[in-house]
Amino acid sequence: MERKPYPSDITREEYESIRLLLESGKKKTRPREVDLYDVFCAVLYVLKNACTWRSLPHDLPRWDCLYKYFQYWGEKPSEHQPSLLEQALKNQVEQERERDGRAAKTTFGIVDAQSVKNADTAREKGYDTGKKVCGIKRHLTVDTNGLPHAIHVTTADVGGRQGALEMFSRHQAVLSEVLKVVVDGGYTGELFAQGVADILGTAVEVAQRNELHKFVVIPKGWVVERCFAWLEKCRRLWKNCERKLHTSLQFSLRQQKTRYARRHAGF
């Protein structure tokens, strides 16, 4: 029986860009009882509407089946191998850059972090004394078009410089072609610059705010801020409701992957 369509659904055409990757992730020993398209759309329903797994509409697959797929797609085969969601996002970013006539890997990275408040259900948390936020922190590296090349989630008490270095270490292969990293004034310091040089072998440029006593956008920094704004289009990402940091990361990857799947399909 055909289910009711929801505003959070992607189209079958958009889903085609990731179908083969999701289907190849788990070998079948018997015919699959659920359509992976419906599974993916159900996770998007949770992400967009911030409902609990058990509150999903009854015409979608069972919540426990959906959650198992969500966990499986987010698992890393090993420390140095990406999960299926990370690989899907990587593929989309590379395709988007190649359609623009650019190299698959970026040579220019813009870095920033965003502190997000925790809900009472979250297990891992920290206190960001600068932003006065108790929760988690998302660290992000984008290129000049705002395409995400690395996402890392820590507790909010982890400083931006430390979190950025951890992100560079985890995504060293993806960022191997970067020649310059642009940051704001919060990342100033010789230790951070040396750490970036040791991990990526690249230089750090600090984009200074205008000296005028009024709000102005930091040059080049608006690109990564816009990416954070896109994340917040999903209610599940307004606050951190997840017990584990890994789950928070997978929801962020899912949102970014969906956005570029739609761009790939021409929507």
C-alpha atoms as a PDB file:
ATOM      1  CA  MET A   1       0.000   0.000   0.000  1.00  0.00           C
ATOM      2  CA  GLU A   2       1.374   3.397  -0.965  1.00  0.00           C
ATOM      3  CA  ARG A   3       2.006   5.683   1.989  1.00  0.00           C
ATOM      4  CA  LYS A   4       1.103   9.321   2.436  1.00  0.00           C
ATOM      5  CA  PRO A   5       3.781  11.783   1.187  1.00  0.00           C
ATOM      6  CA  TYR A   6       5.287  14.179   3.745  1.00  0.00           C
ATOM      7  CA  PRO A   7       6.911  17.616   3.239  1.00  0.00           C
ATOM      8  CA  SER A   8      10.226  16.260   4.558  1.00  0.00           C
ATOM      9  CA  ASP A   9      10.394  13.551   1.857  1.00  0.00           C
ATOM     10  CA  ILE A  10      12.891  13.686  -0.967  1.00  0.00           C
ATOM     11  CA  THR A  11      11.816  12.543  -4.421  1.00  0.00           C
ATOM     12  CA  ARG A  12      12.740   9.233  -5.988  1.00  0.00           C
ATOM     13  CA  GLU A  13      14.957  11.155  -8.405  1.00  0.00           C
ATOM     14  CA  GLU A  14      16.845  12.767  -5.520  1.00  0.00           C
ATOM     15  CA  TYR A  15      17.149   9.407  -3.774  1.00  0.00           C
ATOM     16  CA  GLU A  16      18.810   7.841  -6.846  1.00  0.00           C
ATOM     17  CA  SER A  17      22.055   9.701  -6.087  1.00  0.00           C
ATOM     18  CA  ILE A  18      22.524   7.624  -2.895  1.00  0.00           C
ATOM     19  CA  ARG A  19      20.456   4.497  -3.555  1.00  0.00           C
ATOM     20  CA  LEU A  20      23.284   2.237  -4.699  1.00  0.00           C
ATOM     21  CA  LEU A  21      25.506   3.236  -1.782  1.00  0.00           C
ATOM     22  CA  LEU A  22      22.804   2.559   0.827  1.00  0.00           C
ATOM     23  CA  GLU A  23      21.798  -0.733  -0.790  1.00  0.00           C
ATOM     24  CA  SER A  24      25.406  -1.938  -0.956  1.00  0.00           C
ATOM     25  CA  GLY A  25      25.977  -1.320   2.735  1.00  0.00           C
ATOM     26  CA  LYS A  26      24.364  -4.513   3.987  1.00  0.00           C
ATOM     27  CA  LYS A  27      24.256  -7.870   2.245  1.00  0.00           C
ATOM     28  CA  LYS A  28      20.816  -9.421   1.970  1.00  0.00           C
ATOM     29  CA  THR A  29      20.213 -13.013   3.046  1.00  0.00           C
ATOM     30  CA  ARG A  30      16.523 -12.743   2.179  1.00  0.00           C
ATOM     31  CA  PRO A  31      14.339 -10.274   0.278  1.00  0.00           C
ATOM     32  CA  ARG A  32      14.242  -6.879   2.000  1.00  0.00           C
ATOM     33  CA  GLU A  33      10.861  -6.291   3.638  1.00  0.00           C
ATOM     34  CA  VAL A  34      11.061  -2.492   3.612  1.00  0.00           C
ATOM     35  CA  ASP A  35      11.814   0.029   0.901  1.00  0.00           C
ATOM     36  CA  LEU A  36      15.031   1.875   1.780  1.00  0.00           C
ATOM     37  CA  TYR A  37      13.541   4.992   0.229  1.00  0.00           C
ATOM     38  CA  ASP A  38      10.822   4.931   2.895  1.00  0.00           C
ATOM     39  CA  VAL A  39      13.451   4.281   5.572  1.00  0.00           C
ATOM     40  CA  PHE A  40      15.529   7.266   4.464  1.00  0.00           C
ATOM     41  CA  CYS A  41      12.454   9.527   4.278  1.00  0.00           C
ATOM     42  CA  ALA A  42      11.343   8.402   7.744  1.00  0.00           C
ATOM     43  CA  VAL A  43      14.701   9.450   9.229  1.00  0.00           C
ATOM     44  CA  LEU A  44      14.296  12.794   7.444  1.00  0.00           C
ATOM     45  CA  TYR A  45      10.858  13.100   9.086  1.00  0.00           C
ATOM     46  CA  VAL A  46      12.502  12.715  12.512  1.00  0.00           C
ATOM     47  CA  LEU A  47      15.234  15.184  11.575  1.00  0.00           C
ATOM     48  CA  LYS A  48      12.901  17.842  10.176  1.00  0.00           C
ATOM     49  CA  ASN A  49      10.100  17.619  12.739  1.00  0.00           C
ATOM     50  CA  ALA A  50      12.112  16.722  15.870  1.00  0.00           C
ATOM     51  CA  CYS A  51       9.736  13.947  16.887  1.00  0.00           C
ATOM     52  CA  THR A  52      10.762  10.838  18.794  1.00  0.00           C
ATOM     53  CA  TRP A  53      11.263   7.556  16.944  1.00  0.00           C
ATOM     54  CA  ARG A  54       8.158   6.042  18.528  1.00  0.00           C
ATOM     55  CA  SER A  55       6.039   9.028  17.405  1.00  0.00           C
ATOM     56  CA  LEU A  56       6.515   8.400  13.681  1.00  0.00           C
ATOM     57  CA  PRO A  57       3.329   8.084  11.580  1.00  0.00           C
ATOM     58  CA  HIS A  58       2.000   4.547  11.308  1.00  0.00           C
ATOM     59  CA  ASP A  59       2.204   4.419   7.518  1.00  0.00           C
ATOM     60  CA  LEU A  60       6.020   4.573   7.733  1.00  0.00           C
ATOM     61  CA  PRO A  61       8.079   1.446   8.556  1.00  0.00           C
ATOM     62  CA  ARG A  62       8.318   0.382  12.199  1.00  0.00           C
ATOM     63  CA  TRP A  63      10.437   2.704  14.326  1.00  0.00           C
ATOM     64  CA  ASP A  64      12.751  -0.047  15.598  1.00  0.00           C
ATOM     65  CA  CYS A  65      13.533  -1.118  12.021  1.00  0.00           C
ATOM     66  CA  LEU A  66      14.235   2.507  11.064  1.00  0.00           C
ATOM     67  CA  TYR A  67      16.507   3.044  14.044  1.00  0.00           C
ATOM     68  CA  LYS A  68      18.538  -0.065  13.218  1.00  0.00           C
ATOM     69  CA  TYR A  69      19.129   1.203   9.680  1.00  0.00           C
ATOM     70  CA  PHE A  70      20.036   4.647  11.001  1.00  0.00           C
ATOM     71  CA  GLN A  71      22.573   3.118  13.378  1.00  0.00           C
ATOM     72  CA  TYR A  72      24.018   0.885  10.680  1.00  0.00           C
ATOM     73  CA  TRP A  73      24.407   3.722   8.162  1.00  0.00           C
ATOM     74  CA  GLY A  74      26.251   5.760  10.775  1.00  0.00           C
ATOM     75  CA  GLU A  75      28.696   3.042  11.892  1.00  0.00           C
ATOM     76  CA  LYS A  76      32.333   3.338  10.849  1.00  0.00           C
ATOM     77  CA  PRO A  77      33.860   0.032   9.644  1.00  0.00           C
ATOM     78  CA  SER A  78      37.153   1.127  11.225  1.00  0.00           C
ATOM     79  CA  GLU A  79      38.751   4.250  12.665  1.00  0.00           C
ATOM     80  CA  HIS A  80      40.092   5.343   9.273  1.00  0.00           C
ATOM     81  CA  GLN A  81      37.088   4.334   7.147  1.00  0.00           C
ATOM     82  CA  PRO A  82      34.036   6.605   6.761  1.00  0.00           C
ATOM     83  CA  SER A  83      30.498   5.547   7.570  1.00  0.00           C
ATOM     84  CA  LEU A  84      27.981   5.206   4.732  1.00  0.00           C
ATOM     85  CA  LEU A  85      26.545   8.651   5.540  1.00  0.00           C
ATOM     86  CA  GLU A  86      30.009  10.231   5.556  1.00  0.00           C
ATOM     87  CA  GLN A  87      30.854   8.535   2.257  1.00  0.00           C
ATOM     88  CA  ALA A  88      27.552   9.660   0.737  1.00  0.00           C
ATOM     89  CA  LEU A  89      28.209  13.289   1.718  1.00  0.00           C
ATOM     90  CA  LYS A  90      31.785  13.077   0.431  1.00  0.00           C
ATOM     91  CA  ASN A  91      30.579  11.746  -2.922  1.00  0.00           C
ATOM     92  CA  GLN A  92      27.991  14.501  -3.265  1.00  0.00           C
ATOM     93  CA  VAL A  93      30.466  17.262  -2.446  1.00  0.00           C
ATOM     94  CA  GLU A  94      32.999  15.920  -4.948  1.00  0.00           C
ATOM     95  CA  GLN A  95      30.344  15.643  -7.677  1.00  0.00           C
ATOM     96  CA  GLU A  96      29.139  19.176  -6.963  1.00  0.00           C
ATOM     97  CA  ARG A  97      32.671  20.566  -7.270  1.00  0.00           C
ATOM     98  CA  GLU A  98      33.397  18.630 -10.471  1.00  0.00           C
ATOM     99  CA  ARG A  99      30.196  19.939 -12.075  1.00  0.00           C
ATOM    100  CA  ASP A 100      31.548  23.428 -11.377  1.00  0.00           C
ATOM    101  CA  GLY A 101      34.779  22.524 -13.152  1.00  0.00           C
ATOM    102  CA  ARG A 102      36.804  22.321  -9.943  1.00  0.00           C
ATOM    103  CA  ALA A 103      38.981  19.628  -8.403  1.00  0.00           C
ATOM    104  CA  ALA A 104      37.206  17.063  -6.216  1.00  0.00           C
ATOM    105  CA  LYS A 105      39.216  18.093  -3.136  1.00  0.00           C
ATOM    106  CA  THR A 106      39.330  21.685  -1.964  1.00  0.00           C
ATOM    107  CA  THR A 107      42.558  23.675  -1.601  1.00  0.00           C
ATOM    108  CA  PHE A 108      40.943  26.317   0.625  1.00  0.00           C
ATOM    109  CA  GLY A 109      39.213  25.622   3.937  1.00  0.00           C
ATOM    110  CA  ILE A 110      37.089  27.947   6.093  1.00  0.00           C
ATOM    111  CA  VAL A 111      36.712  26.778   9.704  1.00  0.00           C
ATOM    112  CA  ASP A 112      34.370  27.733  12.535  1.00  0.00           C
ATOM    113  CA  ALA A 113      32.466  26.172  15.442  1.00  0.00           C
ATOM    114  CA  GLN A 114      28.903  26.424  16.754  1.00  0.00           C
ATOM    115  CA  SER A 115      27.801  25.743  20.327  1.00  0.00           C
ATOM    116  CA  VAL A 116      24.371  24.112  20.706  1.00  0.00           C
ATOM    117  CA  LYS A 117      22.313  23.770  23.888  1.00  0.00           C
ATOM    118  CA  ASN A 118      21.508  20.294  25.197  1.00  0.00           C
ATOM    119  CA  ALA A 119      18.086  18.908  25.990  1.00  0.00           C
ATOM    120  CA  ASP A 120      17.642  16.885  29.180  1.00  0.00           C
ATOM    121  CA  THR A 121      17.870  13.649  27.170  1.00  0.00           C
ATOM    122  CA  ALA A 122      21.481  14.333  26.111  1.00  0.00           C
ATOM    123  CA  ARG A 123      24.089  12.307  27.965  1.00  0.00           C
ATOM    124  CA  GLU A 124      27.332  14.036  26.936  1.00  0.00           C
ATOM    125  CA  LYS A 125      27.660  17.740  27.583  1.00  0.00           C
ATOM    126  CA  GLY A 126      30.089  20.501  28.468  1.00  0.00           C
ATOM    127  CA  TYR A 127      29.939  24.212  29.261  1.00  0.00           C
ATOM    128  CA  ASP A 128      31.167  26.813  26.773  1.00  0.00           C
ATOM    129  CA  THR A 129      32.226  29.703  29.001  1.00  0.00           C
ATOM    130  CA  GLY A 130      32.503  32.102  26.066  1.00  0.00           C
ATOM    131  CA  LYS A 131      29.023  31.541  24.600  1.00  0.00           C
ATOM    132  CA  LYS A 132      27.464  30.623  27.990  1.00  0.00           C
ATOM    133  CA  VAL A 133      26.063  27.426  26.483  1.00  0.00           C
ATOM    134  CA  CYS A 134      25.845  24.003  28.120  1.00  0.00           C
ATOM    135  CA  GLY A 135      25.759  21.346  25.433  1.00  0.00           C
ATOM    136  CA  ILE A 136      27.775  20.296  22.401  1.00  0.00           C
ATOM    137  CA  LYS A 137      29.907  22.040  19.796  1.00  0.00           C
ATOM    138  CA  ARG A 138      29.885  21.440  16.030  1.00  0.00           C
ATOM    139  CA  HIS A 139      33.167  22.074  14.208  1.00  0.00           C
ATOM    140  CA  LEU A 140      32.931  22.570  10.458  1.00  0.00           C
ATOM    141  CA  THR A 141      35.274  22.999   7.485  1.00  0.00           C
ATOM    142  CA  VAL A 142      33.788  24.279   4.216  1.00  0.00           C
ATOM    143  CA  ASP A 143      35.141  25.507   0.894  1.00  0.00           C
ATOM    144  CA  THR A 144      34.445  28.883  -0.718  1.00  0.00           C
ATOM    145  CA  ASN A 145      31.030  27.667  -1.963  1.00  0.00           C
ATOM    146  CA  GLY A 146      29.986  26.473   1.489  1.00  0.00           C
ATOM    147  CA  LEU A 147      30.306  22.779   0.639  1.00  0.00           C
ATOM    148  CA  PRO A 148      31.146  20.819   3.838  1.00  0.00           C
ATOM    149  CA  HIS A 149      34.360  18.790   3.728  1.00  0.00           C
ATOM    150  CA  ALA A 150      34.698  17.915   7.430  1.00  0.00           C
ATOM    151  CA  ILE A 151      32.260  17.856  10.376  1.00  0.00           C
ATOM    152  CA  HIS A 152      33.266  17.041  13.940  1.00  0.00           C
ATOM    153  CA  VAL A 153      31.117  17.083  17.111  1.00  0.00           C
ATOM    154  CA  THR A 154      32.491  17.516  20.644  1.00  0.00           C
ATOM    155  CA  THR A 155      31.177  18.627  24.008  1.00  0.00           C
ATOM    156  CA  ALA A 156      30.861  22.419  24.313  1.00  0.00           C
ATOM    157  CA  ASP A 157      33.763  22.732  26.765  1.00  0.00           C
ATOM    158  CA  VAL A 158      36.222  21.722  24.035  1.00  0.00           C
ATOM    159  CA  GLY A 159      37.809  24.889  22.641  1.00  0.00           C
ATOM    160  CA  GLY A 160      37.524  25.821  19.004  1.00  0.00           C
ATOM    161  CA  ARG A 161      41.234  25.358  18.381  1.00  0.00           C
ATOM    162  CA  GLN A 162      41.376  21.931  20.019  1.00  0.00           C
ATOM    163  CA  GLY A 163      38.209  20.778  18.246  1.00  0.00           C
ATOM    164  CA  ALA A 164      39.497  22.017  14.887  1.00  0.00           C
ATOM    165  CA  LEU A 165      42.749  20.094  15.291  1.00  0.00           C
ATOM    166  CA  GLU A 166      40.796  16.945  16.178  1.00  0.00           C
ATOM    167  CA  MET A 167      38.661  17.488  13.066  1.00  0.00           C
ATOM    168  CA  PHE A 168      41.747  17.885  10.873  1.00  0.00           C
ATOM    169  CA  SER A 169      43.237  14.686  12.288  1.00  0.00           C
ATOM    170  CA  ARG A 170      40.060  12.668  11.686  1.00  0.00           C
ATOM    171  CA  HIS A 171      39.572  14.021   8.144  1.00  0.00           C
ATOM    172  CA  GLN A 172      43.189  14.337   7.107  1.00  0.00           C
ATOM    173  CA  ALA A 173      42.664  12.340   3.902  1.00  0.00           C
ATOM    174  CA  VAL A 174      39.749  14.523   2.766  1.00  0.00           C
ATOM    175  CA  LEU A 175      41.667  17.753   3.513  1.00  0.00           C
ATOM    176  CA  SER A 176      44.981  16.567   2.090  1.00  0.00           C
ATOM    177  CA  GLU A 177      44.960  19.143  -0.753  1.00  0.00           C
ATOM    178  CA  VAL A 178      44.210  22.189   1.452  1.00  0.00           C
ATOM    179  CA  LEU A 179      46.792  24.964   1.038  1.00  0.00           C
ATOM    180  CA  LYS A 180      45.269  27.554   3.362  1.00  0.00           C
ATOM    181  CA  VAL A 181      42.877  27.489   6.322  1.00  0.00           C
ATOM    182  CA  VAL A 182      40.864  30.639   7.122  1.00  0.00           C
ATOM    183  CA  VAL A 183      39.643  31.165  10.703  1.00  0.00           C
ATOM    184  CA  ASP A 184      38.331  34.022  12.857  1.00  0.00           C
ATOM    185  CA  GLY A 185      40.124  35.723  15.737  1.00  0.00           C
ATOM    186  CA  GLY A 186      39.189  32.976  18.209  1.00  0.00           C
ATOM    187  CA  TYR A 187      41.718  30.647  16.582  1.00  0.00           C
ATOM    188  CA  THR A 188      44.680  33.013  16.893  1.00  0.00           C
ATOM    189  CA  GLY A 189      47.848  31.499  18.351  1.00  0.00           C
ATOM    190  CA  GLU A 190      51.155  29.940  17.433  1.00  0.00           C
ATOM    191  CA  LEU A 191      50.253  26.551  18.909  1.00  0.00           C
ATOM    192  CA  PHE A 192      47.165  26.259  16.689  1.00  0.00           C
ATOM    193  CA  ALA A 193      49.049  27.402  13.583  1.00  0.00           C
ATOM    194  CA  GLN A 194      51.801  24.885  14.316  1.00  0.00           C
ATOM    195  CA  GLY A 195      49.257  22.133  14.894  1.00  0.00           C
ATOM    196  CA  VAL A 196      47.599  22.827  11.525  1.00  0.00           C
ATOM    197  CA  ALA A 197      51.008  22.823   9.853  1.00  0.00           C
ATOM    198  CA  ASP A 198      51.888  19.471  11.459  1.00  0.00           C
ATOM    199  CA  ILE A 199      48.591  17.789  10.503  1.00  0.00           C
ATOM    200  CA  LEU A 200      47.767  19.307   7.107  1.00  0.00           C
ATOM    201  CA  GLY A 201      51.060  20.958   6.183  1.00  0.00           C
ATOM    202  CA  THR A 202      49.277  24.219   5.439  1.00  0.00           C
ATOM    203  CA  ALA A 203      49.178  27.846   6.630  1.00  0.00           C
ATOM    204  CA  VAL A 204      46.513  29.587   8.742  1.00  0.00           C
ATOM    205  CA  GLU A 205      44.980  32.949   7.820  1.00  0.00           C
ATOM    206  CA  VAL A 206      43.072  34.853  10.522  1.00  0.00           C
ATOM    207  CA  ALA A 207      40.222  36.950   9.072  1.00  0.00           C
ATOM    208  CA  GLN A 208      40.053  39.986  11.347  1.00  0.00           C
ATOM    209  CA  ARG A 209      36.828  41.837  12.090  1.00  0.00           C
ATOM    210  CA  ASN A 210      36.547  45.447  10.993  1.00  0.00           C
ATOM    211  CA  GLU A 211      37.608  47.910  13.699  1.00  0.00           C
ATOM    212  CA  LEU A 212      34.353  49.899  13.414  1.00  0.00           C
ATOM    213  CA  HIS A 213      32.188  49.718  16.544  1.00  0.00           C
ATOM    214  CA  LYS A 214      29.257  48.062  14.842  1.00  0.00           C
ATOM    215  CA  PHE A 215      28.389  44.628  13.537  1.00  0.00           C
ATOM    216  CA  VAL A 216      30.011  43.690  10.256  1.00  0.00           C
ATOM    217  CA  VAL A 217      30.443  40.301   8.656  1.00  0.00           C
ATOM    218  CA  ILE A 218      33.953  38.864   8.954  1.00  0.00           C
ATOM    219  CA  PRO A 219      35.438  38.570   5.446  1.00  0.00           C
ATOM    220  CA  LYS A 220      35.026  34.995   4.112  1.00  0.00           C
ATOM    221  CA  GLY A 221      33.575  33.871   7.450  1.00  0.00           C
ATOM    222  CA  TRP A 222      29.973  34.324   6.321  1.00  0.00           C
ATOM    223  CA  VAL A 223      30.294  31.195   4.156  1.00  0.00           C
ATOM    224  CA  VAL A 224      30.609  28.835   7.119  1.00  0.00           C
ATOM    225  CA  GLU A 225      28.016  30.823   9.118  1.00  0.00           C
ATOM    226  CA  ARG A 226      25.554  30.270   6.280  1.00  0.00           C
ATOM    227  CA  CYS A 227      26.234  26.534   6.514  1.00  0.00           C
ATOM    228  CA  PHE A 228      25.385  26.581  10.235  1.00  0.00           C
ATOM    229  CA  ALA A 229      22.149  28.394   9.351  1.00  0.00           C
ATOM    230  CA  TRP A 230      21.262  25.593   6.920  1.00  0.00           C
ATOM    231  CA  LEU A 231      21.734  23.055   9.698  1.00  0.00           C
ATOM    232  CA  GLU A 232      19.208  24.897  11.853  1.00  0.00           C
ATOM    233  CA  LYS A 233      16.497  24.531   9.229  1.00  0.00           C
ATOM    234  CA  CYS A 234      15.913  21.138  10.878  1.00  0.00           C
ATOM    235  CA  ARG A 235      14.191  21.235  14.266  1.00  0.00           C
ATOM    236  CA  ARG A 236      16.108  18.191  15.498  1.00  0.00           C
ATOM    237  CA  LEU A 237      19.303  20.269  15.229  1.00  0.00           C
ATOM    238  CA  TRP A 238      18.049  23.393  17.055  1.00  0.00           C
ATOM    239  CA  LYS A 239      18.976  21.664  20.308  1.00  0.00           C
ATOM    240  CA  ASN A 240      20.992  18.548  20.928  1.00  0.00           C
ATOM    241  CA  CYS A 241      18.542  15.825  21.968  1.00  0.00           C
ATOM    242  CA  GLU A 242      20.885  12.895  21.347  1.00  0.00           C
ATOM    243  CA  ARG A 243      22.403  10.800  24.117  1.00  0.00           C
ATOM    244  CA  LYS A 244      25.619  10.205  22.161  1.00  0.00           C
ATOM    245  CA  LEU A 245      27.851  12.642  20.272  1.00  0.00           C
ATOM    246  CA  HIS A 246      28.085  10.132  17.426  1.00  0.00           C
ATOM    247  CA  THR A 247      24.315  10.331  16.871  1.00  0.00           C
ATOM    248  CA  SER A 248      24.472  14.143  16.795  1.00  0.00           C
ATOM    249  CA  LEU A 249      27.132  13.893  14.100  1.00  0.00           C
ATOM    250  CA  GLN A 250      25.075  11.473  11.991  1.00  0.00           C
ATOM    251  CA  PHE A 251      22.011  13.741  12.052  1.00  0.00           C
ATOM    252  CA  SER A 252      24.196  16.661  10.908  1.00  0.00           C
ATOM    253  CA  LEU A 253      25.605  14.524   8.089  1.00  0.00           C
ATOM    254  CA  ARG A 254      22.086  13.434   7.095  1.00  0.00           C
ATOM    255  CA  GLN A 255      20.903  17.052   6.804  1.00  0.00           C
ATOM    256  CA  GLN A 256      23.886  18.083   4.684  1.00  0.00           C
ATOM    257  CA  LYS A 257      23.587  14.983   2.494  1.00  0.00           C
ATOM    258  CA  THR A 258      19.910  15.658   1.780  1.00  0.00           C
ATOM    259  CA  ARG A 259      20.568  19.275   0.831  1.00  0.00           C
ATOM    260  CA  TYR A 260      23.159  18.327  -1.778  1.00  0.00           C
ATOM    261  CA  ALA A 261      21.106  15.407  -3.065  1.00  0.00           C
ATOM    262  CA  ARG A 262      18.418  17.955  -3.939  1.00  0.00           C
ATOM    263  CA  ARG A 263      20.938  20.257  -5.602  1.00  0.00           C
ATOM    264  CA  HIS A 264      22.246  17.291  -7.605  1.00  0.00           C
ATOM    265  CA  ALA A 265      18.730  16.506  -8.833  1.00  0.00           C
ATOM    266  CA  GLY A 266      18.176  20.129  -9.840  1.00  0.00           C
ATOM    267  CA  PHE A 267      15.775  21.134  -7.049  1.00  0.00           C
END
